[in-house]
C-alpha atoms as a PDB file:
ATOM      1  CA  MET A   1      31.957  -1.298 -44.333  1.00  0.00           C
ATOM      2  CA  ASN A   2      29.633   0.014 -46.909  1.00  0.00           C
ATOM      3  CA  ASN A   3      26.901   2.605 -46.376  1.00  0.00           C
ATOM      4  CA  ARG A   4      24.083   0.070 -46.041  1.00  0.00           C
ATOM      5  CA  ASN A   5      25.751  -1.828 -43.183  1.00  0.00           C
ATOM      6  CA  ILE A   6      26.479   1.386 -41.283  1.00  0.00           C
ATOM      7  CA  GLU A   7      22.862   2.538 -41.644  1.00  0.00           C
ATOM      8  CA  LEU A   8      21.610  -0.844 -40.434  1.00  0.00           C
ATOM      9  CA  LEU A   9      23.952  -0.771 -37.431  1.00  0.00           C
ATOM     10  CA  VAL A  10      22.924   2.796 -36.503  1.00  0.00           C
ATOM     11  CA  GLY A  11      19.238   1.847 -36.840  1.00  0.00           C
ATOM     12  CA  CYS A  12      19.698  -1.120 -34.483  1.00  0.00           C
ATOM     13  CA  PHE A  13      21.410   1.065 -31.877  1.00  0.00           C
ATOM     14  CA  VAL A  14      18.661   3.693 -32.118  1.00  0.00           C
ATOM     15  CA  LEU A  15      15.921   1.061 -31.660  1.00  0.00           C
ATOM     16  CA  LEU A  16      17.793  -0.511 -28.748  1.00  0.00           C
ATOM     17  CA  GLY A  17      18.200   2.914 -27.122  1.00  0.00           C
ATOM     18  CA  LEU A  18      14.502   3.746 -27.548  1.00  0.00           C
ATOM     19  CA  ALA A  19      13.499   0.383 -26.071  1.00  0.00           C
ATOM     20  CA  ALA A  20      15.770   0.984 -23.063  1.00  0.00           C
ATOM     21  CA  VAL A  21      14.349   4.477 -22.478  1.00  0.00           C
ATOM     22  CA  LEU A  22      10.766   3.154 -22.734  1.00  0.00           C
ATOM     23  CA  TYR A  23      11.505   0.322 -20.293  1.00  0.00           C
ATOM     24  CA  LEU A  24      13.081   2.712 -17.770  1.00  0.00           C
ATOM     25  CA  ALA A  25      10.178   5.160 -18.085  1.00  0.00           C
ATOM     26  CA  LEU A  26       7.698   2.364 -17.352  1.00  0.00           C
ATOM     27  CA  GLN A  27       9.725   1.133 -14.374  1.00  0.00           C
ATOM     28  CA  ILE A  28      10.007   4.604 -12.869  1.00  0.00           C
ATOM     29  CA  GLY A  29       6.282   5.123 -13.420  1.00  0.00           C
ATOM     30  CA  GLY A  30       5.537   1.925 -11.501  1.00  0.00           C
ATOM     31  CA  ALA A  31       4.120  -0.050 -14.419  1.00  0.00           C
ATOM     32  CA  ARG A  32       4.652  -3.799 -14.464  1.00  0.00           C
ATOM     33  CA  VAL A  33       6.158  -4.870 -17.790  1.00  0.00           C
ATOM     34  CA  PHE A  34       7.005  -8.548 -17.406  1.00  0.00           C
ATOM     35  CA  GLY A  35       4.600  -9.667 -14.725  1.00  0.00           C
ATOM     36  CA  GLY A  36       4.706  -8.619 -11.122  1.00  0.00           C
ATOM     37  CA  ASP A  37       6.752  -9.727  -8.198  1.00  0.00           C
ATOM     38  CA  THR A  38       3.967  -8.669  -5.830  1.00  0.00           C
ATOM     39  CA  TYR A  39       0.868 -10.161  -4.257  1.00  0.00           C
ATOM     40  CA  GLN A  40      -2.253  -8.666  -2.706  1.00  0.00           C
ATOM     41  CA  LEU A  41      -3.817  -8.977   0.729  1.00  0.00           C
ATOM     42  CA  ASN A  42      -7.081  -7.481   1.984  1.00  0.00           C
ATOM     43  CA  ALA A  43      -7.752  -5.778   5.313  1.00  0.00           C
ATOM     44  CA  GLU A  44     -11.191  -4.709   6.558  1.00  0.00           C
ATOM     45  CA  PHE A  45     -11.479  -1.476   8.559  1.00  0.00           C
ATOM     46  CA  SER A  46     -14.475   0.234  10.172  1.00  0.00           C
ATOM     47  CA  SER A  47     -13.089   3.480   8.724  1.00  0.00           C
ATOM     48  CA  ALA A  48     -10.361   4.084   6.148  1.00  0.00           C
ATOM     49  CA  ALA A  49     -10.648   7.883   6.323  1.00  0.00           C
ATOM     50  CA  GLY A  50      -7.525   9.568   5.006  1.00  0.00           C
ATOM     51  CA  VAL A  51      -6.135   6.454   3.323  1.00  0.00           C
ATOM     52  CA  SER A  52      -6.154   6.540  -0.467  1.00  0.00           C
ATOM     53  CA  GLU A  53      -4.987   4.417  -3.362  1.00  0.00           C
ATOM     54  CA  GLY A  54      -1.221   4.715  -3.506  1.00  0.00           C
ATOM     55  CA  SER A  55      -0.819   5.277   0.249  1.00  0.00           C
ATOM     56  CA  ARG A  56       2.225   3.532   1.638  1.00  0.00           C
ATOM     57  CA  VAL A  57       2.327   0.335   3.664  1.00  0.00           C
ATOM     58  CA  GLU A  58       5.074   0.091   6.289  1.00  0.00           C
ATOM     59  CA  ILE A  59       6.609  -2.424   8.647  1.00  0.00           C
ATOM     60  CA  ALA A  60       8.768  -0.965  11.440  1.00  0.00           C
ATOM     61  CA  GLY A  61       8.898   2.380   9.621  1.00  0.00           C
ATOM     62  CA  VAL A  62      10.164   0.838   6.372  1.00  0.00           C
ATOM     63  CA  PRO A  63       7.961   1.191   3.251  1.00  0.00           C
ATOM     64  CA  VAL A  64       7.141  -2.301   1.954  1.00  0.00           C
ATOM     65  CA  GLY A  65       4.117  -1.786  -0.296  1.00  0.00           C
ATOM     66  CA  THR A  66       1.204   0.372  -1.345  1.00  0.00           C
ATOM     67  CA  VAL A  67      -2.572   0.542  -1.068  1.00  0.00           C
ATOM     68  CA  LYS A  68      -3.904  -0.801  -4.361  1.00  0.00           C
ATOM     69  CA  GLN A  69      -7.656  -0.311  -3.897  1.00  0.00           C
ATOM     70  CA  ILE A  70     -10.303   0.708  -1.342  1.00  0.00           C
ATOM     71  CA  GLN A  71     -13.868  -0.574  -1.587  1.00  0.00           C
ATOM     72  CA  LEU A  72     -16.972  -0.590   0.577  1.00  0.00           C
ATOM     73  CA  ASN A  73     -18.331  -4.081   1.317  1.00  0.00           C
ATOM     74  CA  ASP A  74     -21.945  -5.150   1.920  1.00  0.00           C
ATOM     75  CA  ASP A  75     -21.570  -4.603   5.687  1.00  0.00           C
ATOM     76  CA  PHE A  76     -20.403  -1.005   5.123  1.00  0.00           C
ATOM     77  CA  TYR A  77     -16.792  -1.681   6.070  1.00  0.00           C
ATOM     78  CA  ALA A  78     -13.830  -0.404   4.068  1.00  0.00           C
ATOM     79  CA  VAL A  79     -11.902  -3.239   2.410  1.00  0.00           C
ATOM     80  CA  VAL A  80      -8.357  -2.065   1.694  1.00  0.00           C
ATOM     81  CA  THR A  81      -6.302  -4.062  -0.809  1.00  0.00           C
ATOM     82  CA  LEU A  82      -2.573  -3.993  -0.071  1.00  0.00           C
ATOM     83  CA  GLU A  83       0.078  -4.721  -2.695  1.00  0.00           C
ATOM     84  CA  LEU A  84       3.191  -6.278  -1.163  1.00  0.00           C
ATOM     85  CA  PRO A  85       6.380  -7.859  -2.543  1.00  0.00           C
ATOM     86  CA  LYS A  86       6.343 -11.663  -2.829  1.00  0.00           C
ATOM     87  CA  SER A  87       9.562 -11.770  -0.824  1.00  0.00           C
ATOM     88  CA  LEU A  88       7.609 -10.480   2.207  1.00  0.00           C
ATOM     89  CA  GLU A  89       5.999 -13.410   4.013  1.00  0.00           C
ATOM     90  CA  LEU A  90       3.416 -12.475   6.638  1.00  0.00           C
ATOM     91  CA  ASP A  91       1.641 -14.763   9.095  1.00  0.00           C
ATOM     92  CA  ASP A  92      -2.116 -14.938   9.597  1.00  0.00           C
ATOM     93  CA  ASP A  93      -1.910 -13.111  12.941  1.00  0.00           C
ATOM     94  CA  THR A  94      -0.463  -9.959  11.363  1.00  0.00           C
ATOM     95  CA  ILE A  95      -2.068  -6.713  12.569  1.00  0.00           C
ATOM     96  CA  ALA A  96      -2.906  -3.913  10.095  1.00  0.00           C
ATOM     97  CA  SER A  97      -3.311  -0.428  11.600  1.00  0.00           C
ATOM     98  CA  ILE A  98      -4.076   2.930  10.020  1.00  0.00           C
ATOM     99  CA  LYS A  99      -1.571   5.471  11.318  1.00  0.00           C
ATOM    100  CA  THR A 100      -0.788   9.134  10.697  1.00  0.00           C
ATOM    101  CA  SER A 101       2.605  10.615   9.863  1.00  0.00           C
ATOM    102  CA  GLY A 102       3.017  13.363  12.427  1.00  0.00           C
ATOM    103  CA  LEU A 103       0.112  15.235  13.951  1.00  0.00           C
ATOM    104  CA  ILE A 104      -1.808  16.027  10.758  1.00  0.00           C
ATOM    105  CA  GLY A 105       0.230  14.176   8.147  1.00  0.00           C
ATOM    106  CA  ASP A 106      -0.651  11.545   5.582  1.00  0.00           C
ATOM    107  CA  ARG A 107      -2.334   8.342   6.649  1.00  0.00           C
ATOM    108  CA  TYR A 108      -0.662   5.020   5.922  1.00  0.00           C
ATOM    109  CA  ILE A 109      -1.053   1.337   6.802  1.00  0.00           C
ATOM    110  CA  ARG A 110       1.321  -0.096   9.395  1.00  0.00           C
ATOM    111  CA  LEU A 111       1.702  -3.867   9.487  1.00  0.00           C
ATOM    112  CA  SER A 112       2.813  -5.587  12.674  1.00  0.00           C
ATOM    113  CA  PRO A 113       3.929  -9.105  11.688  1.00  0.00           C
ATOM    114  CA  GLY A 114       2.711 -11.979  13.800  1.00  0.00           C
ATOM    115  CA  GLY A 115       4.481 -15.179  14.701  1.00  0.00           C
ATOM    116  CA  SER A 116       1.921 -17.933  14.203  1.00  0.00           C
ATOM    117  CA  GLY A 117       3.912 -19.653  11.467  1.00  0.00           C
ATOM    118  CA  ILE A 118       0.809 -19.900   9.254  1.00  0.00           C
ATOM    119  CA  PRO A 119       1.572 -17.783   6.168  1.00  0.00           C
ATOM    120  CA  LEU A 120      -0.929 -15.553   4.403  1.00  0.00           C
ATOM    121  CA  GLU A 121      -1.396 -16.358   0.717  1.00  0.00           C
ATOM    122  CA  ALA A 122      -2.254 -13.989  -2.131  1.00  0.00           C
ATOM    123  CA  GLY A 123      -5.842 -12.781  -1.778  1.00  0.00           C
ATOM    124  CA  ASP A 124      -6.119 -13.657   1.933  1.00  0.00           C
ATOM    125  CA  GLU A 125      -7.493 -11.230   4.500  1.00  0.00           C
ATOM    126  CA  ILE A 126      -5.780  -9.703   7.515  1.00  0.00           C
ATOM    127  CA  PHE A 127      -8.454 -10.057  10.197  1.00  0.00           C
ATOM    128  CA  ASP A 128      -6.838  -8.117  13.040  1.00  0.00           C
ATOM    129  CA  THR A 129      -7.158  -4.433  12.074  1.00  0.00           C
ATOM    130  CA  GLU A 130      -7.211  -1.074  13.850  1.00  0.00           C
ATOM    131  CA  SER A 131      -8.802   2.004  12.288  1.00  0.00           C
ATOM    132  CA  ALA A 132      -7.248   5.421  12.739  1.00  0.00           C
ATOM    133  CA  LEU A 133      -7.939   7.517  15.791  1.00  0.00           C
ATOM    134  CA  ASP A 134     -10.307  10.308  14.768  1.00  0.00           C
ATOM    135  CA  ILE A 135      -8.663  13.412  16.237  1.00  0.00           C
ATOM    136  CA  GLU A 136     -11.497  15.716  15.117  1.00  0.00           C
ATOM    137  CA  SER A 137     -14.178  13.809  17.004  1.00  0.00           C
ATOM    138  CA  LEU A 138     -11.981  13.614  20.113  1.00  0.00           C
ATOM    139  CA  ILE A 139     -11.422  17.374  20.045  1.00  0.00           C
ATOM    140  CA  GLY A 140     -15.153  17.901  19.528  1.00  0.00           C
ATOM    141  CA  LYS A 141     -16.024  15.684  22.500  1.00  0.00           C
ATOM    142  CA  PHE A 142     -13.444  17.394  24.685  1.00  0.00           C
ATOM    143  CA  ALA A 143     -14.594  20.886  23.671  1.00  0.00           C
ATOM    144  CA  MET A 144     -18.219  20.016  24.407  1.00  0.00           C
ATOM    145  CA  GLY A 145     -17.370  18.340  27.712  1.00  0.00           C
ATOM    146  CA  GLY A 146     -18.356  14.900  26.454  1.00  0.00           C
ATOM    147  CA  ILE A 147     -15.370  13.034  27.874  1.00  0.00           C
ATOM    148  CA  ASP A 148     -15.755  11.453  31.338  1.00  0.00           C
ATOM    149  CA  GLU A 149     -18.970  13.336  32.140  1.00  0.00           C
ATOM    150  CA  GLY A 150     -20.369  10.433  34.100  1.00  0.00           C
ATOM    151  CA  LYS A 151     -17.374  10.226  36.455  1.00  0.00           C
ATOM    152  CA  LYS A 152     -18.147  13.435  38.424  1.00  0.00           C
END
């Protein structure tokens, strides 16, 4: 081989290596390079306190997706957009609940799959939702004697 062919071969390997490193960096960072294998569903909550973009979505304790976006609608409800893998098929009677990891841990969305047999499509809404229990207000009511006052 002459010098020119060796330089060309080395250049190709360097470019291929840089492309591989760039692709891996984007994959680790969560960027979608060649389209996504995910879809989005919306869930409306009276309060999404503690949930943020990037929060995890779980089914039976297994992470299956993330919170993509949180917006306030015209009726002053929090609309949470969930990003889920296309391989995960949920029915229209799925329940979305806001839960807390531990006593004061991070908030996440727990999905409880239904069994209606009617699948949710991309962009659909999960209608059965449960907002998180507000521990602070419960403690405040208990401390001020506001719980079960009328039952004396």
